[in-house]
Every structure is written in structure tokens, then in C-alpha cells.
């Protein structure tokens, strides 16, 4: 299984209304310290994909904005709000409320 596939498998398990950070996805995929690789993998995902890419944010609970995403960042916020996630006035997600607590057996690769 490719590293990207490992990442996508984890991201597909994040339930609606919950998020993980890039680093947390990397850890759950068995790719410790590879948060940037998670970012690269999700950048390659088609917006209409079955992979819920919008549920991965940075460690501060923010959307990582980039010109290269051609507006996908703004769509990410809209999709998360539709799932019931509320942003603070500083445009952050409270990770204490919305971080997904993955089951322990998810890490058993």
C-alpha cells in the first residue's frame, strides 16, 4: 500500500463534524513526523473525491490557506460549517470540541 493510500484510508474514517491535524493523520497512518506528506497527499485529491479532505486542518485548528488551491480553502471552511463545525472569531476550530478521538485499534497496522 502506498503512503498516500495509507493517508487516504485514515482520512476516510474521520466522521462528519470532526477534524484531525495533518500530524495526527500522519501518526494514525504510521507515518510519524510526516505531516507535510499528508498535506501533499490531500492537495492531490479531487475536490469531489470520496476522501473528506476538508476534515484535516493544521495543528492550530486553522485552514492552511494557499494560492495554489484555487479557492479550495474557502470551500473547505464552507464544507466544515455545513457539517456543524463552528469557527471562532479568529477563524479557528476549537480542537478540544471538534478533534476526532480515533479508536485505538486504528493504529494497529
PDB file of N, CA and C in Angstrom:
ATOM      1  N   UNK A   1       0.855  -1.183   0.000  1.00  0.00           N
ATOM      2  CA  UNK A   1       0.000   0.000   0.000  1.00  0.00           C
ATOM      3  C   UNK A   1       0.896   1.239   0.000  1.00  0.00           C
ATOM      4  N   UNK A   2       0.556   2.195  -0.843  1.00  0.00           N
ATOM      5  CA  UNK A   2       1.354   3.422  -0.915  1.00  0.00           C
ATOM      6  C   UNK A   2       1.120   4.302   0.315  1.00  0.00           C
ATOM      7  N   UNK A   3       2.063   5.186   0.553  1.00  0.00           N
ATOM      8  CA  UNK A   3       1.920   6.112   1.683  1.00  0.00           C
ATOM      9  C   UNK A   3       0.683   6.978   1.507  1.00  0.00           C
ATOM     10  N   UNK A   4       0.436   7.416   0.282  1.00  0.00           N
ATOM     11  CA  UNK A   4      -0.760   8.227   0.045  1.00  0.00           C
ATOM     12  C   UNK A   4      -2.018   7.434   0.373  1.00  0.00           C
ATOM     13  N   UNK A   5      -2.038   6.161   0.000  1.00  0.00           N
ATOM     14  CA  UNK A   5      -3.212   5.330   0.275  1.00  0.00           C
ATOM     15  C   UNK A   5      -3.416   5.159   1.774  1.00  0.00           C
ATOM     16  N   UNK A   6      -2.319   5.028   2.527  1.00  0.00           N
ATOM     17  CA  UNK A   6      -2.409   4.931   3.988  1.00  0.00           C
ATOM     18  C   UNK A   6      -3.060   6.199   4.553  1.00  0.00           C
ATOM     19  N   UNK A   7      -2.654   7.340   4.025  1.00  0.00           N
ATOM     20  CA  UNK A   7      -3.200   8.632   4.457  1.00  0.00           C
ATOM     21  C   UNK A   7      -4.687   8.704   4.117  1.00  0.00           C
ATOM     22  N   UNK A   8      -5.028   8.358   2.885  1.00  0.00           N
ATOM     23  CA  UNK A   8      -6.427   8.437   2.458  1.00  0.00           C
ATOM     24  C   UNK A   8      -7.314   7.505   3.278  1.00  0.00           C
ATOM     25  N   UNK A   9      -6.796   6.344   3.637  1.00  0.00           N
ATOM     26  CA  UNK A   9      -7.575   5.401   4.451  1.00  0.00           C
ATOM     27  C   UNK A   9      -7.921   6.002   5.810  1.00  0.00           C
ATOM     28  N   UNK A  10      -6.976   6.715   6.419  1.00  0.00           N
ATOM     29  CA  UNK A  10      -7.235   7.363   7.708  1.00  0.00           C
ATOM     30  C   UNK A  10      -8.247   8.482   7.537  1.00  0.00           C
ATOM     31  N   UNK A  11      -8.044   9.334   6.538  1.00  0.00           N
ATOM     32  CA  UNK A  11      -8.916  10.496   6.340  1.00  0.00           C
ATOM     33  C   UNK A  11     -10.356  10.058   6.073  1.00  0.00           C
ATOM     34  N   UNK A  12     -10.533   8.960   5.365  1.00  0.00           N
ATOM     35  CA  UNK A  12     -11.892   8.459   5.094  1.00  0.00           C
ATOM     36  C   UNK A  12     -12.628   8.076   6.377  1.00  0.00           C
ATOM     37  N   UNK A  13     -11.903   7.794   7.448  1.00  0.00           N
ATOM     38  CA  UNK A  13     -12.527   7.373   8.708  1.00  0.00           C
ATOM     39  C   UNK A  13     -12.930   8.534   9.600  1.00  0.00           C
ATOM     40  N   UNK A  14     -12.487   9.745   9.303  1.00  0.00           N
ATOM     41  CA  UNK A  14     -12.852  10.900  10.133  1.00  0.00           C
ATOM     42  C   UNK A  14     -14.340  11.171   9.924  1.00  0.00           C
ATOM     43  N   UNK A  15     -15.123  11.123  10.990  1.00  0.00           N
ATOM     44  CA  UNK A  15     -16.574  11.306  10.823  1.00  0.00           C
ATOM     45  C   UNK A  15     -16.956  12.765  10.547  1.00  0.00           C
ATOM     46  N   UNK A  16     -18.109  12.979   9.940  1.00  0.00           N
ATOM     47  CA  UNK A  16     -18.599  14.343   9.729  1.00  0.00           C
ATOM     48  C   UNK A  16     -18.648  15.099  11.056  1.00  0.00           C
ATOM     49  N   UNK A  17     -18.289  16.382  11.012  1.00  0.00           N
ATOM     50  CA  UNK A  17     -18.330  17.213  12.207  1.00  0.00           C
ATOM     51  C   UNK A  17     -17.097  17.090  13.082  1.00  0.00           C
ATOM     52  N   UNK A  18     -16.095  16.353  12.622  1.00  0.00           N
ATOM     53  CA  UNK A  18     -14.841  16.174  13.363  1.00  0.00           C
ATOM     54  C   UNK A  18     -13.663  16.470  12.443  1.00  0.00           C
ATOM     55  N   UNK A  19     -12.522  16.793  13.041  1.00  0.00           N
ATOM     56  CA  UNK A  19     -11.310  17.079  12.277  1.00  0.00           C
ATOM     57  C   UNK A  19     -10.111  16.411  12.932  1.00  0.00           C
ATOM     58  N   UNK A  20      -9.040  16.310  12.173  1.00  0.00           N
ATOM     59  CA  UNK A  20      -7.727  15.925  12.661  1.00  0.00           C
ATOM     60  C   UNK A  20      -6.712  16.885  12.078  1.00  0.00           C
ATOM     61  N   UNK A  21      -5.566  16.978  12.724  1.00  0.00           N
ATOM     62  CA  UNK A  21      -4.482  17.784  12.164  1.00  0.00           C
ATOM     63  C   UNK A  21      -3.684  16.918  11.189  1.00  0.00           C
ATOM     64  N   UNK A  22      -2.894  17.577  10.364  1.00  0.00           N
ATOM     65  CA  UNK A  22      -2.042  16.852   9.416  1.00  0.00           C
ATOM     66  C   UNK A  22      -1.132  15.872  10.159  1.00  0.00           C
ATOM     67  N   UNK A  23      -0.570  16.314  11.280  1.00  0.00           N
ATOM     68  CA  UNK A  23       0.320  15.461  12.064  1.00  0.00           C
ATOM     69  C   UNK A  23      -0.388  14.257  12.653  1.00  0.00           C
ATOM     70  N   UNK A  24      -1.615  14.458  13.099  1.00  0.00           N
ATOM     71  CA  UNK A  24      -2.379  13.341  13.659  1.00  0.00           C
ATOM     72  C   UNK A  24      -2.710  12.306  12.584  1.00  0.00           C
ATOM     73  N   UNK A  25      -3.053  12.772  11.398  1.00  0.00           N
ATOM     74  CA  UNK A  25      -3.315  11.846  10.293  1.00  0.00           C
ATOM     75  C   UNK A  25      -2.044  11.053   9.994  1.00  0.00           C
ATOM     76  N   UNK A  26      -0.905  11.733   9.966  1.00  0.00           N
ATOM     77  CA  UNK A  26       0.364  11.054   9.696  1.00  0.00           C
ATOM     78  C   UNK A  26       0.619   9.958  10.736  1.00  0.00           C
ATOM     79  N   UNK A  27       0.425  10.280  12.000  1.00  0.00           N
ATOM     80  CA  UNK A  27       0.646   9.284  13.055  1.00  0.00           C
ATOM     81  C   UNK A  27      -0.275   8.087  12.899  1.00  0.00           C
ATOM     82  N   UNK A  28      -1.554   8.351  12.668  1.00  0.00           N
ATOM     83  CA  UNK A  28      -2.521   7.260  12.524  1.00  0.00           C
ATOM     84  C   UNK A  28      -2.241   6.400  11.291  1.00  0.00           C
ATOM     85  N   UNK A  29      -1.598   7.004  10.290  1.00  0.00           N
ATOM     86  CA  UNK A  29      -1.245   6.272   9.071  1.00  0.00           C
ATOM     87  C   UNK A  29       0.093   5.545   9.219  1.00  0.00           C
ATOM     88  N   UNK A  30       0.715   5.679  10.407  1.00  0.00           N
ATOM     89  CA  UNK A  30       2.013   5.042  10.620  1.00  0.00           C
ATOM     90  C   UNK A  30       3.158   5.798   9.984  1.00  0.00           C
ATOM     91  N   UNK A  31       2.963   7.077   9.747  1.00  0.00           N
ATOM     92  CA  UNK A  31       3.964   7.917   9.079  1.00  0.00           C
ATOM     93  C   UNK A  31       4.404   9.047  10.007  1.00  0.00           C
ATOM     94  N   UNK A  32       4.906   8.691  11.174  1.00  0.00           N
ATOM     95  CA  UNK A  32       5.272   9.661  12.206  1.00  0.00           C
ATOM     96  C   UNK A  32       6.176  10.753  11.658  1.00  0.00           C
ATOM     97  N   UNK A  33       5.842  12.005  12.002  1.00  0.00           N
ATOM     98  CA  UNK A  33       6.651  13.144  11.582  1.00  0.00           C
ATOM     99  C   UNK A  33       6.472  13.544  10.128  1.00  0.00           C
ATOM    100  N   UNK A  34       5.486  13.007   9.462  1.00  0.00           N
ATOM    101  CA  UNK A  34       5.290  13.273   8.027  1.00  0.00           C
ATOM    102  C   UNK A  34       4.039  14.110   7.756  1.00  0.00           C
ATOM    103  N   UNK A  35       3.788  15.118   8.600  1.00  0.00           N
ATOM    104  CA  UNK A  35       2.607  15.974   8.421  1.00  0.00           C
ATOM    105  C   UNK A  35       2.609  16.633   7.047  1.00  0.00           C
ATOM    106  N   UNK A  36       3.768  17.050   6.594  1.00  0.00           N
ATOM    107  CA  UNK A  36       3.846  17.705   5.282  1.00  0.00           C
ATOM    108  C   UNK A  36       3.450  16.748   4.162  1.00  0.00           C
ATOM    109  N   UNK A  37       3.801  15.474   4.306  1.00  0.00           N
ATOM    110  CA  UNK A  37       3.413  14.474   3.310  1.00  0.00           C
ATOM    111  C   UNK A  37       1.893  14.350   3.247  1.00  0.00           C
ATOM    112  N   UNK A  38       1.235  14.447   4.409  1.00  0.00           N
ATOM    113  CA  UNK A  38      -0.231  14.422   4.444  1.00  0.00           C
ATOM    114  C   UNK A  38      -0.780  15.602   3.644  1.00  0.00           C
ATOM    115  N   UNK A  39      -0.181  16.772   3.834  1.00  0.00           N
ATOM    116  CA  UNK A  39      -0.598  17.954   3.077  1.00  0.00           C
ATOM    117  C   UNK A  39      -0.455  17.746   1.574  1.00  0.00           C
ATOM    118  N   UNK A  40       0.673  17.180   1.162  1.00  0.00           N
ATOM    119  CA  UNK A  40       0.886  16.910  -0.273  1.00  0.00           C
ATOM    120  C   UNK A  40      -0.153  15.924  -0.799  1.00  0.00           C
ATOM    121  N   UNK A  41      -0.406  14.867  -0.016  1.00  0.00           N
ATOM    122  CA  UNK A  41      -1.364  13.843  -0.446  1.00  0.00           C
ATOM    123  C   UNK A  41      -2.763  14.439  -0.607  1.00  0.00           C
ATOM    124  N   UNK A  42      -3.170  15.270   0.343  1.00  0.00           N
ATOM    125  CA  UNK A  42      -4.515  15.850   0.278  1.00  0.00           C
ATOM    126  C   UNK A  42      -4.624  16.917  -0.805  1.00  0.00           C
ATOM    127  N   UNK A  43      -3.524  17.576  -1.117  1.00  0.00           N
ATOM    128  CA  UNK A  43      -3.525  18.570  -2.197  1.00  0.00           C
ATOM    129  C   UNK A  43      -3.855  17.897  -3.531  1.00  0.00           C
ATOM    130  N   UNK A  44      -3.482  16.643  -3.671  1.00  0.00           N
ATOM    131  CA  UNK A  44      -3.692  15.915  -4.925  1.00  0.00           C
ATOM    132  C   UNK A  44      -5.112  15.369  -5.078  1.00  0.00           C
ATOM    133  N   UNK A  45      -5.879  15.403  -4.006  1.00  0.00           N
ATOM    134  CA  UNK A  45      -7.236  14.845  -4.028  1.00  0.00           C
ATOM    135  C   UNK A  45      -8.168  15.781  -4.807  1.00  0.00           C
ATOM    136  N   UNK A  46      -8.983  15.200  -5.648  1.00  0.00           N
ATOM    137  CA  UNK A  46     -10.002  15.980  -6.354  1.00  0.00           C
ATOM    138  C   UNK A  46     -11.033  16.459  -5.343  1.00  0.00           C
ATOM    139  N   UNK A  47     -11.513  17.675  -5.500  1.00  0.00           N
ATOM    140  CA  UNK A  47     -12.468  18.249  -4.551  1.00  0.00           C
ATOM    141  C   UNK A  47     -13.708  17.369  -4.415  1.00  0.00           C
ATOM    142  N   UNK A  48     -14.131  16.752  -5.498  1.00  0.00           N
ATOM    143  CA  UNK A  48     -15.344  15.926  -5.474  1.00  0.00           C
ATOM    144  C   UNK A  48     -15.066  14.469  -5.072  1.00  0.00           C
ATOM    145  N   UNK A  49     -13.880  14.181  -4.613  1.00  0.00           N
ATOM    146  CA  UNK A  49     -13.481  12.830  -4.238  1.00  0.00           C
ATOM    147  C   UNK A  49     -14.301  12.311  -3.045  1.00  0.00           C
ATOM    148  N   UNK A  50     -14.232  10.991  -2.819  1.00  0.00           N
ATOM    149  CA  UNK A  50     -14.882  10.405  -1.636  1.00  0.00           C
ATOM    150  C   UNK A  50     -14.000  10.562  -0.391  1.00  0.00           C
ATOM    151  N   UNK A  51     -12.846  11.155  -0.555  1.00  0.00           N
ATOM    152  CA  UNK A  51     -11.947  11.396   0.573  1.00  0.00           C
ATOM    153  C   UNK A  51     -12.332  12.740   1.197  1.00  0.00           C
ATOM    154  N   UNK A  52     -12.746  12.753   2.465  1.00  0.00           N
ATOM    155  CA  UNK A  52     -13.184  14.014   3.088  1.00  0.00           C
ATOM    156  C   UNK A  52     -11.995  14.890   3.496  1.00  0.00           C
ATOM    157  N   UNK A  53     -11.272  15.370   2.507  1.00  0.00           N
ATOM    158  CA  UNK A  53     -10.060  16.184   2.678  1.00  0.00           C
ATOM    159  C   UNK A  53     -10.293  17.400   3.558  1.00  0.00           C
ATOM    160  N   UNK A  54     -11.521  17.899   3.561  1.00  0.00           N
ATOM    161  CA  UNK A  54     -11.825  19.126   4.305  1.00  0.00           C
ATOM    162  C   UNK A  54     -11.686  18.928   5.812  1.00  0.00           C
ATOM    163  N   UNK A  55     -11.666  17.701   6.281  1.00  0.00           N
ATOM    164  CA  UNK A  55     -11.631  17.422   7.724  1.00  0.00           C
ATOM    165  C   UNK A  55     -10.219  17.394   8.301  1.00  0.00           C
ATOM    166  N   UNK A  56      -9.241  17.829   7.519  1.00  0.00           N
ATOM    167  CA  UNK A  56      -7.861  17.896   8.001  1.00  0.00           C
ATOM    168  C   UNK A  56      -7.429  19.359   8.008  1.00  0.00           C
ATOM    169  N   UNK A  57      -6.998  19.809   9.186  1.00  0.00           N
ATOM    170  CA  UNK A  57      -6.596  21.207   9.384  1.00  0.00           C
ATOM    171  C   UNK A  57      -5.221  21.238  10.045  1.00  0.00           C
ATOM    172  N   UNK A  58      -4.672  22.425  10.206  1.00  0.00           N
ATOM    173  CA  UNK A  58      -3.355  22.483  10.837  1.00  0.00           C
ATOM    174  C   UNK A  58      -3.458  22.322  12.352  1.00  0.00           C
ATOM    175  N   UNK A  59      -2.325  22.230  13.010  1.00  0.00           N
ATOM    176  CA  UNK A  59      -2.276  21.938  14.447  1.00  0.00           C
ATOM    177  C   UNK A  59      -2.881  23.044  15.306  1.00  0.00           C
ATOM    178  N   UNK A  60      -3.075  24.231  14.728  1.00  0.00           N
ATOM    179  CA  UNK A  60      -3.707  25.340  15.457  1.00  0.00           C
ATOM    180  C   UNK A  60      -5.227  25.319  15.303  1.00  0.00           C
ATOM    181  N   UNK A  61      -5.734  24.386  14.499  1.00  0.00           N
ATOM    182  CA  UNK A  61      -7.171  24.340  14.234  1.00  0.00           C
ATOM    183  C   UNK A  61      -7.569  25.304  13.140  1.00  0.00           C
ATOM    184  N   UNK A  62      -6.622  25.626  12.276  1.00  0.00           N
ATOM    185  CA  UNK A  62      -6.880  26.568  11.186  1.00  0.00           C
ATOM    186  C   UNK A  62      -6.805  25.867   9.841  1.00  0.00           C
ATOM    187  N   UNK A  63      -7.477  26.431   8.878  1.00  0.00           N
ATOM    188  CA  UNK A  63      -7.331  26.002   7.495  1.00  0.00           C
ATOM    189  C   UNK A  63      -6.019  26.587   6.998  1.00  0.00           C
ATOM    190  N   UNK A  64      -5.225  25.752   6.336  1.00  0.00           N
ATOM    191  CA  UNK A  64      -3.954  26.222   5.785  1.00  0.00           C
ATOM    192  C   UNK A  64      -4.214  26.769   4.384  1.00  0.00           C
ATOM    193  N   UNK A  65      -4.301  28.081   4.301  1.00  0.00           N
ATOM    194  CA  UNK A  65      -4.617  28.727   3.023  1.00  0.00           C
ATOM    195  C   UNK A  65      -3.422  28.741   2.088  1.00  0.00           C
ATOM    196  N   UNK A  66      -3.682  28.545   0.799  1.00  0.00           N
ATOM    197  CA  UNK A  66      -2.640  28.562  -0.221  1.00  0.00           C
ATOM    198  C   UNK A  66      -3.236  29.030  -1.547  1.00  0.00           C
ATOM    199  N   UNK A  67      -2.523  29.878  -2.220  1.00  0.00           N
ATOM    200  CA  UNK A  67      -2.950  30.358  -3.548  1.00  0.00           C
ATOM    201  C   UNK A  67      -3.068  29.177  -4.509  1.00  0.00           C
ATOM    202  N   UNK A  68      -2.225  28.171  -4.333  1.00  0.00           N
ATOM    203  CA  UNK A  68      -2.195  27.022  -5.243  1.00  0.00           C
ATOM    204  C   UNK A  68      -3.483  26.207  -5.213  1.00  0.00           C
ATOM    205  N   UNK A  69      -4.304  26.398  -4.217  1.00  0.00           N
ATOM    206  CA  UNK A  69      -5.531  25.598  -4.110  1.00  0.00           C
ATOM    207  C   UNK A  69      -6.707  26.199  -4.879  1.00  0.00           C
ATOM    208  N   UNK A  70      -6.514  27.284  -5.533  1.00  0.00           N
ATOM    209  CA  UNK A  70      -7.536  27.878  -6.404  1.00  0.00           C
ATOM    210  C   UNK A  70      -8.892  28.022  -5.720  1.00  0.00           C
ATOM    211  N   UNK A  71      -8.900  28.491  -4.478  1.00  0.00           N
ATOM    212  CA  UNK A  71     -10.155  28.726  -3.777  1.00  0.00           C
ATOM    213  C   UNK A  71     -10.671  27.545  -2.986  1.00  0.00           C
ATOM    214  N   UNK A  72     -10.019  26.394  -3.080  1.00  0.00           N
ATOM    215  CA  UNK A  72     -10.450  25.215  -2.342  1.00  0.00           C
ATOM    216  C   UNK A  72     -10.441  25.430  -0.836  1.00  0.00           C
ATOM    217  N   UNK A  73      -9.592  26.340  -0.374  1.00  0.00           N
ATOM    218  CA  UNK A  73      -9.520  26.634   1.057  1.00  0.00           C
ATOM    219  C   UNK A  73     -10.836  27.229   1.562  1.00  0.00           C
ATOM    220  N   UNK A  74     -11.417  28.100   0.770  1.00  0.00           N
ATOM    221  CA  UNK A  74     -12.678  28.733   1.166  1.00  0.00           C
ATOM    222  C   UNK A  74     -13.809  27.718   1.133  1.00  0.00           C
ATOM    223  N   UNK A  75     -13.754  26.808   0.174  1.00  0.00           N
ATOM    224  CA  UNK A  75     -14.721  25.718   0.112  1.00  0.00           C
ATOM    225  C   UNK A  75     -14.568  24.833   1.343  1.00  0.00           C
ATOM    226  N   UNK A  76     -13.339  24.613   1.795  1.00  0.00           N
ATOM    227  CA  UNK A  76     -13.096  23.791   2.980  1.00  0.00           C
ATOM    228  C   UNK A  76     -13.852  24.337   4.182  1.00  0.00           C
ATOM    229  N   UNK A  77     -13.776  25.643   4.388  1.00  0.00           N
ATOM    230  CA  UNK A  77     -14.473  26.245   5.528  1.00  0.00           C
ATOM    231  C   UNK A  77     -15.984  26.048   5.384  1.00  0.00           C
ATOM    232  N   UNK A  78     -16.509  26.260   4.205  1.00  0.00           N
ATOM    233  CA  UNK A  78     -17.945  26.095   3.954  1.00  0.00           C
ATOM    234  C   UNK A  78     -18.382  24.653   4.226  1.00  0.00           C
ATOM    235  N   UNK A  79     -17.600  23.699   3.744  1.00  0.00           N
ATOM    236  CA  UNK A  79     -17.952  22.291   3.949  1.00  0.00           C
ATOM    237  C   UNK A  79     -17.934  21.926   5.433  1.00  0.00           C
ATOM    238  N   UNK A  80     -16.945  22.429   6.160  1.00  0.00           N
ATOM    239  CA  UNK A  80     -16.870  22.139   7.596  1.00  0.00           C
ATOM    240  C   UNK A  80     -18.037  22.779   8.344  1.00  0.00           C
ATOM    241  N   UNK A  81     -18.394  23.997   7.972  1.00  0.00           N
ATOM    242  CA  UNK A  81     -19.538  24.652   8.614  1.00  0.00           C
ATOM    243  C   UNK A  81     -20.827  23.884   8.342  1.00  0.00           C
ATOM    244  N   UNK A  82     -20.967  23.335   7.142  1.00  0.00           N
ATOM    245  CA  UNK A  82     -22.152  22.529   6.816  1.00  0.00           C
ATOM    246  C   UNK A  82     -22.228  21.272   7.674  1.00  0.00           C
ATOM    247  N   UNK A  83     -21.075  20.800   8.133  1.00  0.00           N
ATOM    248  CA  UNK A  83     -21.033  19.616   8.996  1.00  0.00           C
ATOM    249  C   UNK A  83     -21.260  19.980  10.461  1.00  0.00           C
ATOM    250  N   UNK A  84     -21.459  21.277  10.740  1.00  0.00           N
ATOM    251  CA  UNK A  84     -21.747  21.707  12.099  1.00  0.00           C
ATOM    252  C   UNK A  84     -20.556  22.242  12.871  1.00  0.00           C
ATOM    253  N   UNK A  85     -19.410  22.320  12.223  1.00  0.00           N
ATOM    254  CA  UNK A  85     -18.222  22.845  12.895  1.00  0.00           C
ATOM    255  C   UNK A  85     -18.295  24.358  12.915  1.00  0.00           C
ATOM    256  N   UNK A  86     -18.084  24.911  14.091  1.00  0.00           N
ATOM    257  CA  UNK A  86     -18.107  26.368  14.244  1.00  0.00           C
ATOM    258  C   UNK A  86     -16.687  26.896  14.370  1.00  0.00           C
ATOM    259  N   UNK A  87     -16.448  28.012  13.742  1.00  0.00           N
ATOM    260  CA  UNK A  87     -15.151  28.670  13.803  1.00  0.00           C
ATOM    261  C   UNK A  87     -15.213  29.802  14.823  1.00  0.00           C
ATOM    262  N   UNK A  88     -14.105  30.033  15.509  1.00  0.00           N
ATOM    263  CA  UNK A  88     -14.017  31.148  16.449  1.00  0.00           C
ATOM    264  C   UNK A  88     -13.928  32.439  15.645  1.00  0.00           C
ATOM    265  N   UNK A  89     -14.076  33.601  16.301  1.00  0.00           N
ATOM    266  CA  UNK A  89     -13.901  34.870  15.584  1.00  0.00           C
ATOM    267  C   UNK A  89     -12.508  34.999  14.939  1.00  0.00           C
ATOM    268  N   UNK A  90     -11.527  34.256  15.472  1.00  0.00           N
ATOM    269  CA  UNK A  90     -10.176  34.278  14.900  1.00  0.00           C
ATOM    270  C   UNK A  90     -10.018  33.247  13.774  1.00  0.00           C
ATOM    271  N   UNK A  91     -11.146  32.678  13.316  1.00  0.00           N
ATOM    272  CA  UNK A  91     -11.156  31.705  12.215  1.00  0.00           C
ATOM    273  C   UNK A  91     -10.451  30.397  12.568  1.00  0.00           C
ATOM    274  N   UNK A  92     -10.584  29.975  13.809  1.00  0.00           N
ATOM    275  CA  UNK A  92     -10.015  28.702  14.242  1.00  0.00           C
ATOM    276  C   UNK A  92     -11.131  27.747  14.646  1.00  0.00           C
ATOM    277  N   UNK A  93     -10.790  26.474  14.632  1.00  0.00           N
ATOM    278  CA  UNK A  93     -11.678  25.427  15.119  1.00  0.00           C
ATOM    279  C   UNK A  93     -11.175  25.044  16.503  1.00  0.00           C
ATOM    280  N   UNK A  94     -12.074  24.963  17.465  1.00  0.00           N
ATOM    281  CA  UNK A  94     -11.686  24.548  18.811  1.00  0.00           C
ATOM    282  C   UNK A  94     -11.454  23.036  18.785  1.00  0.00           C
ATOM    283  N   UNK A  95     -10.190  22.654  18.822  1.00  0.00           N
ATOM    284  CA  UNK A  95      -9.853  21.238  18.714  1.00  0.00           C
ATOM    285  C   UNK A  95     -10.293  20.436  19.941  1.00  0.00           C
ATOM    286  N   UNK A  96     -10.495  21.102  21.059  1.00  0.00           N
ATOM    287  CA  UNK A  96     -10.998  20.386  22.245  1.00  0.00           C
ATOM    288  C   UNK A  96     -12.418  19.875  21.991  1.00  0.00           C
ATOM    289  N   UNK A  97     -13.138  20.578  21.141  1.00  0.00           N
ATOM    290  CA  UNK A  97     -14.524  20.199  20.830  1.00  0.00           C
ATOM    291  C   UNK A  97     -14.597  19.314  19.583  1.00  0.00           C
ATOM    292  N   UNK A  98     -13.860  19.669  18.542  1.00  0.00           N
ATOM    293  CA  UNK A  98     -14.058  19.048  17.232  1.00  0.00           C
ATOM    294  C   UNK A  98     -12.997  18.031  16.809  1.00  0.00           C
ATOM    295  N   UNK A  99     -11.943  17.849  17.622  1.00  0.00           N
ATOM    296  CA  UNK A  99     -10.925  16.856  17.253  1.00  0.00           C
ATOM    297  C   UNK A  99     -11.508  15.454  17.397  1.00  0.00           C
ATOM    298  N   UNK A 100     -11.304  14.644  16.388  1.00  0.00           N
ATOM    299  CA  UNK A 100     -11.780  13.268  16.415  1.00  0.00           C
ATOM    300  C   UNK A 100     -10.867  12.424  17.298  1.00  0.00           C
ATOM    301  N   UNK A 101     -11.461  11.694  18.204  1.00  0.00           N
ATOM    302  CA  UNK A 101     -10.705  10.740  19.027  1.00  0.00           C
ATOM    303  C   UNK A 101     -10.764   9.387  18.320  1.00  0.00           C
ATOM    304  N   UNK A 102      -9.718   9.109  17.578  1.00  0.00           N
ATOM    305  CA  UNK A 102      -9.682   7.874  16.801  1.00  0.00           C
ATOM    306  C   UNK A 102      -9.636   6.658  17.728  1.00  0.00           C
ATOM    307  N   UNK A 103     -10.316   5.577  17.344  1.00  0.00           N
ATOM    308  CA  UNK A 103     -10.247   4.359  18.163  1.00  0.00           C
ATOM    309  C   UNK A 103      -8.816   3.834  18.200  1.00  0.00           C
ATOM    310  N   UNK A 104      -8.428   3.273  19.330  1.00  0.00           N
ATOM    311  CA  UNK A 104      -7.057   2.800  19.490  1.00  0.00           C
ATOM    312  C   UNK A 104      -6.663   1.754  18.468  1.00  0.00           C
ATOM    313  N   UNK A 105      -7.609   0.925  18.050  1.00  0.00           N
ATOM    314  CA  UNK A 105      -7.269  -0.129  17.089  1.00  0.00           C
ATOM    315  C   UNK A 105      -6.990   0.402  15.685  1.00  0.00           C
ATOM    316  N   UNK A 106      -7.271   1.677  15.446  1.00  0.00           N
ATOM    317  CA  UNK A 106      -6.975   2.266  14.147  1.00  0.00           C
ATOM    318  C   UNK A 106      -5.463   2.290  13.920  1.00  0.00           C
ATOM    319  N   UNK A 107      -4.711   2.397  14.999  1.00  0.00           N
ATOM    320  CA  UNK A 107      -3.257   2.471  14.883  1.00  0.00           C
ATOM    321  C   UNK A 107      -2.625   1.097  14.747  1.00  0.00           C
ATOM    322  N   UNK A 108      -3.383   0.029  14.844  1.00  0.00           N
ATOM    323  CA  UNK A 108      -2.847  -1.321  14.702  1.00  0.00           C
ATOM    324  C   UNK A 108      -2.727  -1.650  13.210  1.00  0.00           C
ATOM    325  N   UNK A 109      -1.539  -1.435  12.703  1.00  0.00           N
ATOM    326  CA  UNK A 109      -1.331  -1.698  11.264  1.00  0.00           C
ATOM    327  C   UNK A 109      -0.755  -3.079  11.068  1.00  0.00           C
TER     328      UNK A 109
END
